[in-house]
């Protein structure tokens, strides 16, 4: 037993208090004797050493041997007195600063009696609200976070997390802000080290992930409602978003979760308004000029996780003006804060550029940039660390927005996928294969010809993963059309480099089919030319039957079909699809075959006349 819990500890008290405590140390004392101790502690301004000397009396009345049997339906008068003395003792103990090492003796008694009291709560006369007593238990546990032995004991107590979450839920329902925030701060602190711990929180919150997520959103909003930010506030914010990030270990049974870094809990948090709540609390920290410490860093880190998830571009699109405003304002105030800058830089140089391949994100970016014009123009932002990265982001955005504007005026064009036809015309002139939804034909006879002689019969069903058809997950019709337009803009802007590299490939590997890669998973994007079959990339792609069939079609086309590959960053990985560049005839391919490396450039670096003629022909091609 710890010395502070032994009855000899009361000898340090002044005589009047010693007699009061000694009377209460009797196991058979009255409930009033224990209540007098509670009142004395609450009303007398006693020094800490004297307060601690009251512990033996409370410890006595939390004796586990006096617990009523859980199998007993009827509680006797003496047992009810034991319960009342335990209630008073817990209420008193939880307001004391417990000496180091005493917690391991106190906690098992406090927790066991808490469970007994909960079972018999309705039998108490005029009891306080149950959640208030629960919040008292949580505050008691909080003080042991630096006492490793006691903290481990508390953390591994079965059912404790469910009790905490249930207390949290009832405090929220009752509108008790202090209890709700105190318990809310404790949940991330004790954390969920494994799925079983998180499941306990979920059970206590109501039984579903959505129940727990709803409380987390309410807690985040409660933090955001503060008009000033203390050191505790910024640490509570940091623990909250660290908890959400750590909760990604909980995967549940959702089959789609293998593709996303966000857990079921994080997804539910976002669905319930969590992104707005996150931005509100971050804006509060910035407004209160708390641009130091872990709160802003962990919050911005969690924001980054959201933006690079599977549906990250959707969340970004929904809140883009607000996110940009936060980044600009916080960067201006944070100055040279390395911890924040690293997170903000990641969003500006990676998360947002990666999303600027989606139609909706680009459209919203056009509006968002106008919204932050005044904030960007201030000297404080233009002299901060983030400004150069911001300029690079704006440059990318303006180019992507220009593609969007051009789309509104350009008539969509297609090429008949019957390799014996190659008609290029408006999209309305063609009908799509109903099965693969990837190939277009100008007539039923062309479709029949390609089915019978062009090899489409054997490969039709396989065009599901590598072609930009409507079965591509997370890509809408507008997304696919925009991605094609973006590739076509970059193709026409870089024809000289693309075809110079293709000529070099033909010179080095005369029998190779070229594969031109448009890589939007890199910043800035890169265009490279590879062998479609015997380069490292080509060899990897050839493992799939769909790609192998597309390569075979390109070879059979005699130069009227070129293979282009687009890469984007999605769901924490690089996704890639093949887009076919079609020509009305083989003149472009024949022109490239006729060139040598020496035919590309003059000595002064200008392109040769022969190469210029080939490039003119290239501009007549169209993505289909």
Foldseek 3Di string as FASTA:
>chain_A
DDPLQDLVLLVVPDPVVSVLLVQLQPQPHFLVSLVVLLVCVVPPPDDQSNLSNSNNSLLSLLDPVLADDPPDPDADPSNVRSLSSNLSSLLSLLVHLHDAPCLVVPVVSNVVSLVSCVVCVVVDDPDDPNLVSLLSVLSSLVSCLVRVVNLVVQLPDPLNLLSLLLSLLVCVVVVVLVSNQSSLLSDLSSADQAQVSVQSNCVSQPRDLLSSLLSLLVNLQSLLPDQAADPSSLVSLLSSLVRQQSCLNHAPDDPPSVLWSGHPNRVSNVVNPNVVSLLSNLVSCLVNLVLDDRNNLSSLQSLLSCLQTQCNLVVCLVCVLSVVQSLLSSQLSNAAHPSNCVSSLCCLQASLLLSLLFPSSLVSVVVSCVSCVVSCPDPSSCPGPCNVSNVLSVVSSVVLNVLVVVVVVDFDWDFAPLLVFGDIDGPVQWDADPQQQAGIHNDPVSVVCCCVPVPCVVCSNVNQAFGPGCNDPPHHPRSSVSNQSVVVVVCLVCVLVVLLQVLVVCVVPVVFAKEWEFESNDVVTDIDIDGCDPDPVNVVVCVDPNSVSVVVSCVVSLQQKHWYKYWGRRSNRIGIHIWIKGARHRPLVVLSSPDHNVQAADPVGHGHPSSVVSSVRVNRIGID
